């Protein structure tokens, strides 16, 4: 039989009509006036839930939309065939703790690619990215061992890409890398592009022994970006929906990791800016860097130091970058000397111009500029292991 032709036994419209007539009989106008604020609040929370589980999720993760996946299917099949035929890729299905099946691809370079091959790069794709055609190609070109995976609801992965499901997927990917592929946490670098920064920052927060994390074209917090694309009148609703159902607060997670970090900022990024690609200061990657520096070096990142870093962040090309750097007379030789001699004794105050040297030198160690737009593939030459002391 075809269940779509099964006759209905009960309709919500019938239930609503019965409720309305009963409500009229037992509730007076005064009681209704007292109950009305509760109904408004209930409607607010219900609206938030419906937004998150309908168009909100699809706006945030368009790659989970079946129509888009159908249009991309030939490209995805070709990408998957290339990974298997040219790189001897190994496809695996992993089952996360929530029951979602996660589609992964592993390329092993431990035997033939020297030192880079001993490092496993776990790749976290963007909101419309798939491992078949996504950012895992960058470390592959660099000779690394690579493990790619698809978000829940993307490609061969099941489920929907809500934050907890995303974290569960990342968790099983890491466990697979350790227990089945034979890597240690200290052998793993997590590399993420765009919205993949959420699972990457979750991974290093949850597994602090991971060697390093590289975040490309990522952001500190989803909320400012969500507010940018929604009407101002929706602001309270958007705030509640993001915080309750889509709280991708990358900075909060990243601050709990003490290991090496590299941020790659696209200077013409049109996606993670709140005022357009022409305003590089509205790039939310800036906020991620500033929060990281302030958290790790509170005694050094004073108002003066932050002002210097913000001026450097305002540079949108190499010439402006060099101009700011030379204008503050940053001495990298002094900086390295300081790290190896004075760093253990940070209880004392550092005389000028040392704080500015430290601030700008640190900023350039943690962030690299890539003069392009959001969706341009990152060349292997731009993929570096983060600077470490």
Protein backbone atom coordinates (compact mmCIF):
# COMPACT_ATOMS: atom_id res chain seq x y z
CA UNK A 1 0.00 0.00 0.00
CA UNK A 2 0.98 3.67 -0.32
CA UNK A 3 0.85 5.37 3.06
CA UNK A 4 0.24 8.77 1.41
CA UNK A 5 -3.27 7.52 0.56
CA UNK A 6 -4.03 6.32 4.09
CA UNK A 7 -7.08 8.23 5.40
CA UNK A 8 -6.40 10.62 8.28
CA UNK A 9 -7.80 9.80 11.71
CA UNK A 10 -7.31 13.23 13.20
CA UNK A 11 -6.49 16.69 11.85
CA UNK A 12 -4.81 19.51 13.74
CA UNK A 13 -7.44 21.90 12.35
CA UNK A 14 -10.15 19.85 14.04
CA UNK A 15 -8.24 19.94 17.33
CA UNK A 16 -7.70 23.71 17.05
CA UNK A 17 -11.43 24.36 16.56
CA UNK A 18 -12.32 22.23 19.58
CA UNK A 19 -9.74 24.06 21.72
CA UNK A 20 -10.98 27.50 20.60
CA UNK A 21 -14.63 26.81 21.51
CA UNK A 22 -13.66 25.35 24.89
CA UNK A 23 -11.35 28.29 25.57
CA UNK A 24 -14.20 30.76 24.98
CA UNK A 25 -16.37 28.99 27.54
CA UNK A 26 -13.92 28.86 30.44
CA UNK A 27 -11.77 32.03 30.10
CA UNK A 28 -13.11 35.48 30.89
CA UNK A 29 -11.90 38.63 29.18
CA UNK A 30 -9.88 39.68 32.27
CA UNK A 31 -8.24 36.28 32.53
CA UNK A 32 -7.48 36.40 28.82
CA UNK A 33 -5.77 39.79 29.26
CA UNK A 34 -3.54 38.24 31.93
CA UNK A 35 -2.88 35.18 29.78
CA UNK A 36 -2.12 37.16 26.63
CA UNK A 37 1.55 38.00 27.54
CA UNK A 38 2.16 34.30 28.16
CA UNK A 39 0.71 33.47 24.74
CA UNK A 40 2.90 36.13 23.13
CA UNK A 41 6.01 34.71 24.81
CA UNK A 42 4.98 31.19 23.78
CA UNK A 43 4.52 32.42 20.21
CA UNK A 44 7.99 34.03 20.32
CA UNK A 45 9.66 30.79 21.36
CA UNK A 46 7.61 28.78 18.88
CA UNK A 47 8.57 31.17 16.09
CA UNK A 48 12.23 30.82 17.04
CA UNK A 49 11.99 27.03 16.92
CA UNK A 50 10.24 27.07 13.55
CA UNK A 51 12.78 29.50 12.05
CA UNK A 52 15.71 27.37 13.20
CA UNK A 53 14.23 24.11 11.95
CA UNK A 54 12.92 25.39 8.62
CA UNK A 55 14.57 28.07 6.49
CA UNK A 56 17.11 29.09 9.19
CA UNK A 57 19.00 25.81 9.03
CA UNK A 58 18.91 25.79 5.25
CA UNK A 59 20.19 29.35 5.04
CA UNK A 60 23.02 28.51 7.38
CA UNK A 61 23.88 25.19 5.69
CA UNK A 62 22.68 25.40 2.06
CA UNK A 63 24.72 22.28 1.27
CA UNK A 64 22.12 20.24 3.16
CA UNK A 65 19.38 21.20 0.66
CA UNK A 66 18.54 18.20 -1.50
CA UNK A 67 18.02 20.24 -4.67
CA UNK A 68 21.54 21.69 -4.44
CA UNK A 69 23.05 18.28 -3.79
CA UNK A 70 21.20 16.87 -6.79
CA UNK A 71 22.57 19.64 -9.01
CA UNK A 72 26.10 19.02 -7.70
CA UNK A 73 25.94 15.22 -7.86
CA UNK A 74 28.00 14.78 -11.07
CA UNK A 75 30.72 17.08 -9.69
CA UNK A 76 30.73 15.28 -6.35
CA UNK A 77 30.98 11.88 -8.04
CA UNK A 78 33.91 13.06 -10.14
CA UNK A 79 35.66 14.49 -7.07
CA UNK A 80 35.15 11.28 -5.14
CA UNK A 81 36.46 9.18 -8.05
CA UNK A 82 39.55 11.40 -8.27
CA UNK A 83 40.32 11.00 -4.57
CA UNK A 84 40.06 7.22 -4.85
CA UNK A 85 41.82 6.72 -8.18
CA UNK A 86 44.59 9.34 -7.99
CA UNK A 87 45.24 9.42 -4.24
CA UNK A 88 44.20 5.89 -3.23
CA UNK A 89 41.57 7.40 -0.97
CA UNK A 90 39.73 5.19 1.52
CA UNK A 91 36.03 5.88 2.07
CA UNK A 92 34.51 4.99 5.44
CA UNK A 93 31.14 5.32 7.12
CA UNK A 94 31.30 6.34 10.78
CA UNK A 95 28.37 6.21 13.20
CA UNK A 96 28.25 9.12 15.64
CA UNK A 97 26.81 8.89 19.17
CA UNK A 98 23.53 10.39 17.96
CA UNK A 99 23.12 7.65 15.33
CA UNK A 100 24.06 9.85 12.36
CA UNK A 101 26.21 8.16 9.73
CA UNK A 102 29.21 10.29 8.72
CA UNK A 103 30.75 9.93 5.25
CA UNK A 104 34.56 10.28 5.33
CA UNK A 105 37.54 10.05 2.97
CA UNK A 106 41.10 9.27 4.13
CA UNK A 107 44.30 9.67 2.11
CA UNK A 108 47.36 8.07 3.73
CA UNK A 109 50.73 9.67 2.91
CA UNK A 110 52.77 8.23 5.77
CA UNK A 111 54.88 6.00 3.54
CA UNK A 112 55.67 8.24 0.60
CA UNK A 113 55.48 11.95 1.46
CA UNK A 114 58.20 12.54 4.02
CA UNK A 115 57.61 14.55 7.18
CA UNK A 116 54.35 16.16 6.00
CA UNK A 117 52.85 12.73 5.43
CA UNK A 118 53.30 11.88 9.12
CA UNK A 119 50.88 14.69 9.99
CA UNK A 120 47.16 14.08 9.59
CA UNK A 121 45.14 17.14 8.54
CA UNK A 122 41.46 16.77 9.46
CA UNK A 123 39.44 19.09 7.23
CA UNK A 124 36.20 20.83 8.22
CA UNK A 125 34.27 22.12 5.21
CA UNK A 126 32.18 25.27 4.74
CA UNK A 127 28.39 25.55 4.76
CA UNK A 128 28.12 24.48 1.12
CA UNK A 129 31.33 22.44 0.99
CA UNK A 130 31.85 18.71 0.53
CA UNK A 131 35.07 16.76 0.98
CA UNK A 132 34.77 15.63 -2.64
CA UNK A 133 35.45 19.14 -3.95
CA UNK A 134 36.33 21.12 -0.83
CA UNK A 135 39.23 22.36 1.23
CA UNK A 136 40.90 18.97 1.69
CA UNK A 137 42.54 19.52 -1.70
CA UNK A 138 44.80 22.19 -0.14
CA UNK A 139 46.67 19.91 2.34
CA UNK A 140 46.62 17.12 -0.24
CA UNK A 141 48.68 19.29 -2.57
CA UNK A 142 51.06 19.92 0.34
CA UNK A 143 51.77 16.22 0.78
CA UNK A 144 49.93 15.73 4.09
CA UNK A 145 47.86 12.75 5.13
CA UNK A 146 44.28 14.04 5.00
CA UNK A 147 40.94 13.02 6.50
CA UNK A 148 37.86 14.77 5.08
CA UNK A 149 34.26 14.37 6.21
CA UNK A 150 30.84 15.67 5.25
CA UNK A 151 28.51 17.55 7.57
CA UNK A 152 25.38 15.69 8.75
CA UNK A 153 22.90 15.87 5.88
CA UNK A 154 25.65 16.50 3.28
CA UNK A 155 26.51 13.91 0.64
CA UNK A 156 26.52 10.44 2.18
CA UNK A 157 26.17 11.72 5.77
CA UNK A 158 22.78 11.46 7.46
CA UNK A 159 21.06 13.81 9.90
CA UNK A 160 20.84 17.59 10.03
CA UNK A 161 23.73 20.02 10.72
CA UNK A 162 22.71 21.53 14.04
CA UNK A 163 25.64 22.40 16.37
CA UNK A 164 25.38 19.34 18.61
CA UNK A 165 25.17 17.02 15.62
CA UNK A 166 28.18 18.78 14.11
CA UNK A 167 30.16 18.29 17.34
CA UNK A 168 29.13 14.63 17.52
CA UNK A 169 30.32 14.12 13.94
CA UNK A 170 33.67 15.77 14.64
CA UNK A 171 34.10 13.65 17.74
CA UNK A 172 33.68 10.34 15.91
CA UNK A 173 36.04 11.54 13.15
CA UNK A 174 38.77 12.20 15.73
CA UNK A 175 38.15 8.88 17.46
CA UNK A 176 38.40 7.13 14.09
CA UNK A 177 41.71 8.87 13.34
CA UNK A 178 43.14 7.70 16.67
CA UNK A 179 41.78 4.18 17.08
CA UNK A 180 41.51 3.00 13.47
CA UNK A 181 44.01 5.04 11.49
CA UNK A 182 46.71 4.96 14.16
CA UNK A 183 47.48 8.67 14.60
CA UNK A 184 48.24 10.33 17.92
CA UNK A 185 46.52 13.60 18.85
CA UNK A 186 49.94 15.27 18.62
CA UNK A 187 50.09 14.16 14.95
CA UNK A 188 46.81 15.91 14.05
CA UNK A 189 46.30 19.39 12.62
CA UNK A 190 42.69 20.57 12.26
CA UNK A 191 42.09 22.74 9.19
CA UNK A 192 38.77 24.52 8.67
CA UNK A 193 37.30 26.83 6.11
CA UNK A 194 34.51 29.32 6.89
CA UNK A 195 31.74 27.81 9.03
CA UNK A 196 33.92 24.74 9.55
CA UNK A 197 35.65 26.86 12.20
CA UNK A 198 32.92 25.78 14.63
CA UNK A 199 33.78 22.07 14.55
CA UNK A 200 37.50 22.85 14.37
CA UNK A 201 37.41 25.06 17.47
CA UNK A 202 35.21 22.48 19.21
CA UNK A 203 37.79 19.79 18.40
CA UNK A 204 40.79 21.63 19.86
CA UNK A 205 38.74 22.71 22.89
CA UNK A 206 37.72 19.09 23.53
CA UNK A 207 41.08 17.54 22.58
CA UNK A 208 43.71 20.08 23.73
CA UNK A 209 46.58 17.70 22.83
CA UNK A 210 45.88 18.27 19.13
CA UNK A 211 49.02 19.64 17.46
CA UNK A 212 47.54 22.81 15.93
CA UNK A 213 44.50 24.44 14.29
CA UNK A 214 44.30 26.48 11.08
CA UNK A 215 41.14 28.56 10.55
CA UNK A 216 40.68 29.97 7.04
CA UNK A 217 38.07 32.69 6.38
CA UNK A 218 36.34 31.99 9.68
CA UNK A 219 34.62 34.22 12.26
CA UNK A 220 34.34 34.74 15.99
CA UNK A 221 30.56 34.54 16.43
CA UNK A 222 27.65 33.82 14.10
CA UNK A 223 25.25 36.35 15.65
CA UNK A 224 26.63 39.57 14.05
CA UNK A 225 26.60 37.87 10.63
CA UNK A 226 23.04 36.64 11.14
CA UNK A 227 21.86 40.11 12.19
CA UNK A 228 23.43 41.55 9.02
CA UNK A 229 21.14 39.59 6.67
CA UNK A 230 17.87 39.83 8.65
CA UNK A 231 15.49 42.81 9.14
CA UNK A 232 16.21 45.05 12.13
CA UNK A 233 12.70 44.42 13.44
CA UNK A 234 13.62 40.74 13.81
CA UNK A 235 16.62 41.45 16.03
CA UNK A 236 15.29 39.92 19.31
CA UNK A 237 14.00 36.88 17.44
CA UNK A 238 17.29 36.41 15.58
CA UNK A 239 19.30 36.75 18.80
CA UNK A 240 17.22 34.12 20.57
CA UNK A 241 17.22 31.75 17.59
CA UNK A 242 20.99 31.89 17.12
CA UNK A 243 21.83 31.54 20.80
CA UNK A 244 19.31 28.76 21.37
CA UNK A 245 19.69 26.67 18.22
CA UNK A 246 22.67 27.85 16.14
CA UNK A 247 25.18 29.21 18.62
CA UNK A 248 28.38 28.99 16.58
CA UNK A 249 30.58 30.92 19.00
CA UNK A 250 34.01 29.98 17.65
CA UNK A 251 35.95 32.44 19.80
CA UNK A 252 34.52 31.08 23.03
CA UNK A 253 35.70 27.58 22.10
CA UNK A 254 39.06 28.62 20.67
CA UNK A 255 40.03 30.49 23.85
CA UNK A 256 39.95 27.16 25.71
CA UNK A 257 42.79 25.82 23.54
CA UNK A 258 46.37 26.71 24.43
CA UNK A 259 48.11 25.24 21.37
CA UNK A 260 49.33 26.83 18.11
CA UNK A 261 46.72 28.75 16.09
CA UNK A 262 46.87 30.23 12.59
CA UNK A 263 44.10 32.48 11.25
CA UNK A 264 43.92 33.16 7.50
CA UNK A 265 42.02 36.34 6.65
CA UNK A 266 40.64 36.94 3.16
CA UNK A 267 41.12 40.68 2.63
CA UNK A 268 38.28 40.86 0.06
CA UNK A 269 35.93 38.55 1.94
CA UNK A 270 32.29 39.25 1.08
CA UNK A 271 30.73 36.65 3.40
CA UNK A 272 32.07 37.12 6.93
CA UNK A 273 32.11 40.93 6.83
CA UNK A 274 29.28 42.96 8.33
CA UNK A 275 29.75 46.03 6.10
CA UNK A 276 30.86 44.54 2.78
CA UNK A 277 34.19 43.37 1.30
CA UNK A 278 35.43 46.92 0.80
CA UNK A 279 35.58 47.40 4.60
CA UNK A 280 38.26 45.00 5.81
CA UNK A 281 37.75 46.18 9.40
CA UNK A 282 34.28 44.62 9.42
CA UNK A 283 35.78 41.16 8.79
CA UNK A 284 34.82 39.03 11.81
CA UNK A 285 38.18 37.28 11.60
CA UNK A 286 39.60 40.47 13.12
CA UNK A 287 37.45 39.98 16.21
CA UNK A 288 38.61 36.38 16.49
CA UNK A 289 42.26 37.51 16.49
CA UNK A 290 41.72 40.33 19.01
CA UNK A 291 39.86 38.09 21.44
CA UNK A 292 42.58 35.46 21.19
CA UNK A 293 45.40 37.95 21.78
CA UNK A 294 43.62 39.62 24.69
CA UNK A 295 42.94 36.28 26.34
CA UNK A 296 46.44 34.87 25.92
CA UNK A 297 48.41 38.05 26.64
CA UNK A 298 46.31 40.25 28.97
CA UNK A 299 49.36 42.06 30.40
CA UNK A 300 50.71 42.94 26.97
CA UNK A 301 47.53 43.72 25.00
CA UNK A 302 46.90 47.10 26.57
CA UNK A 303 44.79 49.84 24.97
CA UNK A 304 47.88 51.07 23.15
CA UNK A 305 48.73 47.61 21.88
CA UNK A 306 45.16 46.96 20.74
CA UNK A 307 45.11 50.27 18.91
CA UNK A 308 48.26 49.29 17.02
CA UNK A 309 46.86 45.87 16.11
CA UNK A 310 43.59 47.41 14.88
CA UNK A 311 45.57 49.78 12.69
CA UNK A 312 47.47 46.83 11.25
CA UNK A 313 44.18 44.97 10.67
CA UNK A 314 42.97 47.94 8.62
CA UNK A 315 45.66 47.18 6.02
CA UNK A 316 44.12 45.39 3.04
CA UNK A 317 47.29 44.67 1.04
CA UNK A 318 51.01 43.97 1.49
CA UNK A 319 52.06 47.60 0.99
CA UNK A 320 49.71 48.94 3.68
CA UNK A 321 50.72 46.08 5.96
CA UNK A 322 54.43 46.92 5.59
CA UNK A 323 53.74 50.63 6.08
CA UNK A 324 52.00 50.06 9.42
CA UNK A 325 54.69 47.65 10.54
CA UNK A 326 57.56 50.02 9.74
CA UNK A 327 55.65 53.02 11.12
CA UNK A 328 55.64 51.44 14.57
CA UNK A 329 59.31 50.45 14.18
CA UNK A 330 58.62 46.84 15.04
CA UNK A 331 61.83 44.97 15.77
CA UNK A 332 61.40 41.24 15.15
CA UNK A 333 64.91 40.51 16.42
CA UNK A 334 64.01 42.20 19.72
CA UNK A 335 60.77 40.23 19.78
CA UNK A 336 62.54 36.86 19.47
CA UNK A 337 65.10 37.87 22.09
CA UNK A 338 62.27 38.87 24.41
CA UNK A 339 60.49 35.55 23.95
CA UNK A 340 63.48 33.51 25.01
CA UNK A 341 64.75 35.76 27.82
CA UNK A 342 61.99 37.92 29.32
CA UNK A 343 58.86 35.83 28.67
CA UNK A 344 59.18 33.78 31.90
CA UNK A 345 59.06 37.04 33.90
CA UNK A 346 55.94 38.79 32.57
CA UNK A 347 55.07 40.15 35.99
CA UNK A 348 57.07 43.30 35.21
CA UNK A 349 55.92 46.06 32.86
CA UNK A 350 57.76 46.34 29.54
CA UNK A 351 58.97 49.82 28.58
CA UNK A 352 57.95 51.34 25.24
CA UNK A 353 58.24 50.59 22.40
CA UNK A 354 58.36 46.95 23.44
CA UNK A 355 54.58 46.51 24.01
CA UNK A 356 53.84 47.64 20.45
CA UNK A 357 56.57 45.39 19.07
CA UNK A 358 55.11 42.48 20.97
CA UNK A 359 51.52 43.24 19.98
CA UNK A 360 52.16 43.63 16.25
CA UNK A 361 54.64 40.78 16.05
CA UNK A 362 52.18 38.48 17.80
CA UNK A 363 49.35 39.59 15.53
CA UNK A 364 51.42 38.72 12.44
CA UNK A 365 52.35 35.34 13.93
CA UNK A 366 48.71 34.42 14.54
CA UNK A 367 47.18 35.84 11.35
CA UNK A 368 48.16 35.80 7.68
CA UNK A 369 46.41 37.79 4.97
CA UNK A 370 45.33 36.22 1.69
CA UNK A 371 44.32 38.89 -0.83
CA UNK A 372 41.23 37.28 -2.34
CA UNK A 373 37.51 36.60 -1.83
CA UNK A 374 35.80 34.13 0.48
CA UNK A 375 35.32 31.19 -1.88
CA UNK A 376 38.68 31.15 -3.67
CA UNK A 377 40.44 27.81 -2.98
CA UNK A 378 43.46 28.23 -0.75
CA UNK A 379 46.70 27.34 -2.60
CA UNK A 380 48.97 24.82 -0.91
CA UNK A 381 51.65 27.54 -0.73
CA UNK A 382 49.40 29.50 1.66
CA UNK A 383 48.82 26.54 3.99
CA UNK A 384 51.36 26.65 6.80
CA UNK A 385 51.76 25.00 10.15
CA UNK A 386 51.01 27.63 12.83
CA UNK A 387 53.89 29.45 14.46
CA UNK A 388 54.85 27.92 17.81
CA UNK A 389 57.20 29.11 20.54
